[in-house]
Amino acid sequence: MAAELDGFVRNDEFGQAAVYHPSLDDPVIPDTLDCDIILEFDAVLQPSSYDAQVVETGTIIEALYRDIAEPRHGSHFVVGDKKYVVERIMDNDRVFVRMAVTEEDI
């Protein structure tokens, strides 16, 4: 399926450019990787546990799995003057990875 998406996602209209910094405990991935991401602000986040009753909004990043593989908690993306730190993986279908992130100024 990923090969079928090559022409679809490899163009100038897929999200925006970012620099991915894997967490320090991931020895396989290089220090930084250029990638394209989709940022979604004020998104409704799925509850982090079965006991959650409150709807929470936050920021989500969606990226291609082949660009970043499986990010870990603490990995981060830099876009302009903002840093987005991965809090948890929401979905990973081995084509796209969706992550709940927190935003920080650099």
N, C-alpha and C. Protein backbone atom coordinates (compact mmCIF):
# COMPACT_ATOMS: atom_id res chain seq x y z
N MET A 1 0.82 -1.20 0.00
CA MET A 1 0.00 0.00 0.00
C MET A 1 0.86 1.26 0.00
N ALA A 2 1.98 1.26 0.73
CA ALA A 2 2.83 2.44 0.80
C ALA A 2 3.36 2.80 -0.58
N ALA A 3 3.69 1.81 -1.41
CA ALA A 3 4.19 2.07 -2.75
C ALA A 3 3.11 2.73 -3.61
N GLU A 4 1.86 2.41 -3.39
CA GLU A 4 0.76 3.01 -4.14
C GLU A 4 0.60 4.48 -3.82
N LEU A 5 1.06 4.91 -2.65
CA LEU A 5 0.92 6.30 -2.24
C LEU A 5 2.07 7.19 -2.67
N ASP A 6 3.09 6.62 -3.31
CA ASP A 6 4.27 7.41 -3.69
C ASP A 6 3.90 8.67 -4.46
N GLY A 7 3.13 8.55 -5.53
CA GLY A 7 2.76 9.71 -6.33
C GLY A 7 1.81 10.64 -5.60
N PHE A 8 1.05 10.10 -4.67
CA PHE A 8 0.06 10.90 -3.95
C PHE A 8 0.69 11.79 -2.90
N VAL A 9 1.63 11.26 -2.12
CA VAL A 9 2.15 12.01 -1.00
C VAL A 9 3.49 12.68 -1.26
N ARG A 10 4.19 12.33 -2.31
CA ARG A 10 5.48 12.94 -2.60
C ARG A 10 5.30 14.11 -3.56
N ASN A 11 4.72 15.17 -3.07
CA ASN A 11 4.61 16.40 -3.84
C ASN A 11 4.69 17.58 -2.90
N ASP A 12 4.66 18.78 -3.42
CA ASP A 12 4.83 19.98 -2.60
C ASP A 12 3.60 20.32 -1.77
N GLU A 13 2.52 19.59 -1.93
CA GLU A 13 1.29 19.93 -1.23
C GLU A 13 1.03 19.07 -0.01
N PHE A 14 1.94 18.15 0.34
CA PHE A 14 1.74 17.31 1.52
C PHE A 14 2.27 18.03 2.75
N GLY A 15 1.42 18.66 3.49
CA GLY A 15 1.80 19.28 4.75
C GLY A 15 2.86 20.35 4.62
N GLN A 16 3.73 20.37 5.60
CA GLN A 16 4.80 21.36 5.63
C GLN A 16 6.09 20.70 6.07
N ALA A 17 7.20 21.34 5.71
CA ALA A 17 8.52 20.79 6.03
C ALA A 17 8.80 20.90 7.52
N ALA A 18 9.45 19.88 8.05
CA ALA A 18 9.83 19.85 9.46
C ALA A 18 11.15 19.09 9.58
N VAL A 19 11.77 19.26 10.74
CA VAL A 19 12.98 18.49 11.06
C VAL A 19 12.62 17.61 12.25
N TYR A 20 12.80 16.29 12.10
CA TYR A 20 12.47 15.33 13.14
C TYR A 20 13.71 15.00 13.95
N HIS A 21 13.59 15.09 15.27
CA HIS A 21 14.67 14.74 16.19
C HIS A 21 14.19 13.55 17.03
N PRO A 22 14.72 12.35 16.79
CA PRO A 22 14.29 11.19 17.57
C PRO A 22 14.72 11.33 19.04
N SER A 23 14.05 10.59 19.90
CA SER A 23 14.42 10.63 21.31
C SER A 23 15.83 10.06 21.48
N LEU A 24 16.46 10.41 22.57
CA LEU A 24 17.85 10.02 22.80
C LEU A 24 18.04 8.52 22.98
N ASP A 25 16.97 7.80 23.30
CA ASP A 25 17.10 6.35 23.52
C ASP A 25 16.84 5.53 22.25
N ASP A 26 16.88 6.17 21.08
CA ASP A 26 16.68 5.46 19.82
C ASP A 26 17.99 5.47 19.02
N PRO A 27 18.83 4.44 19.19
CA PRO A 27 20.16 4.44 18.55
C PRO A 27 20.14 4.14 17.05
N VAL A 28 19.01 3.71 16.50
CA VAL A 28 18.94 3.29 15.11
C VAL A 28 18.80 4.48 14.15
N ILE A 29 18.04 5.48 14.55
CA ILE A 29 17.74 6.61 13.66
C ILE A 29 18.82 7.68 13.81
N PRO A 30 19.20 8.34 12.71
CA PRO A 30 20.18 9.42 12.80
C PRO A 30 19.70 10.57 13.69
N ASP A 31 20.60 11.51 13.95
CA ASP A 31 20.28 12.63 14.85
C ASP A 31 19.07 13.44 14.40
N THR A 32 18.99 13.75 13.11
CA THR A 32 17.85 14.52 12.59
C THR A 32 17.45 13.97 11.23
N LEU A 33 16.19 14.15 10.90
CA LEU A 33 15.65 13.75 9.60
C LEU A 33 14.74 14.84 9.07
N ASP A 34 14.87 15.19 7.82
CA ASP A 34 13.93 16.10 7.18
C ASP A 34 12.69 15.29 6.80
N CYS A 35 11.52 15.86 7.05
CA CYS A 35 10.29 15.16 6.72
C CYS A 35 9.18 16.18 6.48
N ASP A 36 8.06 15.70 5.98
CA ASP A 36 6.87 16.51 5.80
C ASP A 36 5.83 16.05 6.80
N ILE A 37 5.13 17.01 7.40
CA ILE A 37 4.11 16.68 8.40
C ILE A 37 2.85 17.48 8.13
N ILE A 38 1.77 17.01 8.74
CA ILE A 38 0.52 17.76 8.76
C ILE A 38 0.25 18.10 10.22
N LEU A 39 0.12 19.39 10.50
CA LEU A 39 -0.19 19.86 11.85
C LEU A 39 -1.68 20.13 11.96
N GLU A 40 -2.30 19.64 13.00
CA GLU A 40 -3.72 19.89 13.24
C GLU A 40 -3.88 20.47 14.64
N PHE A 41 -4.33 21.71 14.72
CA PHE A 41 -4.50 22.40 16.00
C PHE A 41 -5.93 22.25 16.49
N ASP A 42 -6.13 22.29 17.80
CA ASP A 42 -7.45 22.19 18.44
C ASP A 42 -8.21 20.94 17.99
N ALA A 43 -7.49 19.85 17.83
CA ALA A 43 -8.11 18.58 17.46
C ALA A 43 -8.66 17.89 18.70
N VAL A 44 -9.72 17.14 18.53
CA VAL A 44 -10.27 16.37 19.65
C VAL A 44 -9.40 15.13 19.81
N LEU A 45 -8.82 14.98 20.99
CA LEU A 45 -7.94 13.86 21.27
C LEU A 45 -8.73 12.71 21.86
N GLN A 46 -8.33 11.50 21.53
CA GLN A 46 -8.98 10.34 22.13
C GLN A 46 -8.53 10.24 23.59
N PRO A 47 -9.39 9.73 24.45
CA PRO A 47 -9.00 9.60 25.86
C PRO A 47 -7.76 8.74 26.03
N SER A 48 -6.95 9.08 27.02
CA SER A 48 -5.72 8.32 27.25
C SER A 48 -5.97 7.07 28.08
N SER A 49 -7.17 6.91 28.61
CA SER A 49 -7.50 5.70 29.35
C SER A 49 -9.00 5.43 29.21
N TYR A 50 -9.41 4.27 29.65
CA TYR A 50 -10.83 3.91 29.57
C TYR A 50 -11.68 4.67 30.58
N ASP A 51 -11.05 5.23 31.60
CA ASP A 51 -11.79 5.93 32.63
C ASP A 51 -12.05 7.39 32.31
N ALA A 52 -11.47 7.90 31.24
CA ALA A 52 -11.58 9.32 30.92
C ALA A 52 -13.01 9.66 30.50
N GLN A 53 -13.52 10.74 31.04
CA GLN A 53 -14.86 11.20 30.73
C GLN A 53 -14.86 12.57 30.06
N VAL A 54 -13.73 13.24 30.05
CA VAL A 54 -13.64 14.61 29.56
C VAL A 54 -13.05 14.61 28.16
N VAL A 55 -13.66 15.39 27.29
CA VAL A 55 -13.12 15.55 25.94
C VAL A 55 -12.00 16.57 26.01
N GLU A 56 -10.86 16.21 25.43
CA GLU A 56 -9.69 17.06 25.49
C GLU A 56 -9.30 17.47 24.06
N THR A 57 -8.88 18.71 23.91
CA THR A 57 -8.38 19.14 22.61
C THR A 57 -6.88 19.38 22.70
N GLY A 58 -6.21 19.26 21.58
CA GLY A 58 -4.77 19.45 21.56
C GLY A 58 -4.25 19.50 20.15
N THR A 59 -2.96 19.37 20.01
CA THR A 59 -2.30 19.42 18.70
C THR A 59 -1.89 18.02 18.27
N ILE A 60 -2.13 17.73 17.01
CA ILE A 60 -1.79 16.43 16.43
C ILE A 60 -0.84 16.65 15.26
N ILE A 61 0.15 15.77 15.15
CA ILE A 61 1.01 15.74 13.97
C ILE A 61 0.80 14.41 13.28
N GLU A 62 0.66 14.48 11.96
CA GLU A 62 0.57 13.27 11.15
C GLU A 62 1.76 13.29 10.19
N ALA A 63 2.49 12.17 10.12
CA ALA A 63 3.67 12.06 9.27
C ALA A 63 3.68 10.71 8.59
N LEU A 64 4.48 10.60 7.54
CA LEU A 64 4.63 9.33 6.85
C LEU A 64 5.50 8.39 7.66
N TYR A 65 5.04 7.17 7.82
CA TYR A 65 5.78 6.16 8.57
C TYR A 65 7.16 5.93 7.96
N ARG A 66 7.24 5.90 6.64
CA ARG A 66 8.53 5.62 6.00
C ARG A 66 9.55 6.72 6.23
N ASP A 67 9.11 7.91 6.62
CA ASP A 67 10.04 9.01 6.90
C ASP A 67 10.58 8.96 8.33
N ILE A 68 9.72 8.57 9.27
CA ILE A 68 10.12 8.66 10.68
C ILE A 68 10.01 7.36 11.46
N ALA A 69 9.46 6.31 10.86
CA ALA A 69 9.26 5.02 11.53
C ALA A 69 8.36 5.18 12.75
N GLU A 70 8.78 4.68 13.90
CA GLU A 70 7.94 4.71 15.11
C GLU A 70 8.53 5.70 16.11
N PRO A 71 7.99 6.92 16.16
CA PRO A 71 8.53 7.88 17.13
C PRO A 71 8.24 7.45 18.56
N ARG A 72 9.08 7.87 19.46
CA ARG A 72 8.92 7.55 20.88
C ARG A 72 8.61 8.80 21.66
N HIS A 73 8.09 8.62 22.85
CA HIS A 73 7.83 9.74 23.74
C HIS A 73 9.12 10.54 23.92
N GLY A 74 9.05 11.85 23.75
CA GLY A 74 10.23 12.68 23.88
C GLY A 74 10.86 13.07 22.56
N SER A 75 10.54 12.34 21.49
CA SER A 75 11.00 12.77 20.17
C SER A 75 10.32 14.11 19.86
N HIS A 76 10.91 14.89 18.97
CA HIS A 76 10.26 16.15 18.66
C HIS A 76 10.50 16.58 17.21
N PHE A 77 9.61 17.47 16.77
CA PHE A 77 9.66 18.04 15.44
C PHE A 77 9.89 19.54 15.58
N VAL A 78 10.69 20.10 14.70
CA VAL A 78 10.92 21.55 14.69
C VAL A 78 10.33 22.10 13.40
N VAL A 79 9.44 23.06 13.56
CA VAL A 79 8.82 23.75 12.42
C VAL A 79 8.96 25.24 12.69
N GLY A 80 9.81 25.90 11.92
CA GLY A 80 10.05 27.33 12.13
C GLY A 80 10.65 27.56 13.50
N ASP A 81 9.97 28.38 14.31
CA ASP A 81 10.47 28.68 15.66
C ASP A 81 9.70 27.93 16.74
N LYS A 82 9.02 26.86 16.36
CA LYS A 82 8.26 26.04 17.31
C LYS A 82 8.81 24.62 17.36
N LYS A 83 8.71 24.04 18.54
CA LYS A 83 9.12 22.65 18.75
C LYS A 83 7.89 21.89 19.23
N TYR A 84 7.61 20.74 18.62
CA TYR A 84 6.46 19.92 18.97
C TYR A 84 6.97 18.59 19.53
N VAL A 85 6.73 18.36 20.81
CA VAL A 85 7.25 17.18 21.51
C VAL A 85 6.18 16.09 21.51
N VAL A 86 6.57 14.88 21.11
CA VAL A 86 5.64 13.75 21.05
C VAL A 86 5.29 13.31 22.47
N GLU A 87 4.00 13.29 22.76
CA GLU A 87 3.51 12.81 24.06
C GLU A 87 3.06 11.35 23.96
N ARG A 88 2.34 11.03 22.87
CA ARG A 88 1.91 9.65 22.68
C ARG A 88 1.50 9.42 21.24
N ILE A 89 1.59 8.16 20.83
CA ILE A 89 1.17 7.75 19.49
C ILE A 89 -0.32 7.46 19.55
N MET A 90 -1.07 8.08 18.66
CA MET A 90 -2.51 7.87 18.63
C MET A 90 -2.89 6.77 17.64
N ASP A 91 -2.16 6.71 16.52
CA ASP A 91 -2.47 5.72 15.50
C ASP A 91 -1.23 5.50 14.65
N ASN A 92 -1.00 4.25 14.29
CA ASN A 92 0.12 3.90 13.42
C ASN A 92 -0.32 2.72 12.56
N ASP A 93 -0.63 3.00 11.30
CA ASP A 93 -1.05 1.93 10.39
C ASP A 93 0.07 1.54 9.42
N ARG A 94 1.29 1.93 9.73
CA ARG A 94 2.49 1.65 8.93
C ARG A 94 2.50 2.40 7.59
N VAL A 95 1.56 3.32 7.41
CA VAL A 95 1.60 4.26 6.29
C VAL A 95 1.70 5.67 6.86
N PHE A 96 0.78 6.00 7.77
CA PHE A 96 0.80 7.28 8.47
C PHE A 96 0.92 7.04 9.97
N VAL A 97 1.57 7.96 10.66
CA VAL A 97 1.67 7.93 12.12
C VAL A 97 1.04 9.22 12.64
N ARG A 98 0.06 9.08 13.54
CA ARG A 98 -0.58 10.25 14.17
C ARG A 98 -0.13 10.30 15.62
N MET A 99 0.30 11.50 16.04
CA MET A 99 0.84 11.69 17.38
C MET A 99 0.21 12.88 18.06
N ALA A 100 -0.08 12.74 19.34
CA ALA A 100 -0.47 13.89 20.16
C ALA A 100 0.83 14.55 20.61
N VAL A 101 0.92 15.87 20.42
CA VAL A 101 2.16 16.59 20.73
C VAL A 101 1.85 17.83 21.58
N THR A 102 2.88 18.32 22.25
CA THR A 102 2.78 19.61 22.95
C THR A 102 3.70 20.59 22.26
N GLU A 103 3.29 21.84 22.24
CA GLU A 103 4.04 22.88 21.54
C GLU A 103 4.90 23.66 22.51
N GLU A 104 6.13 23.93 22.09
CA GLU A 104 7.06 24.72 22.89
C GLU A 104 7.75 25.73 21.98
N ASP A 105 8.10 26.90 22.53
CA ASP A 105 8.91 27.86 21.80
C ASP A 105 10.36 27.44 21.87
N ILE A 106 11.08 27.73 20.79
CA ILE A 106 12.51 27.41 20.80
C ILE A 106 13.29 28.59 21.34
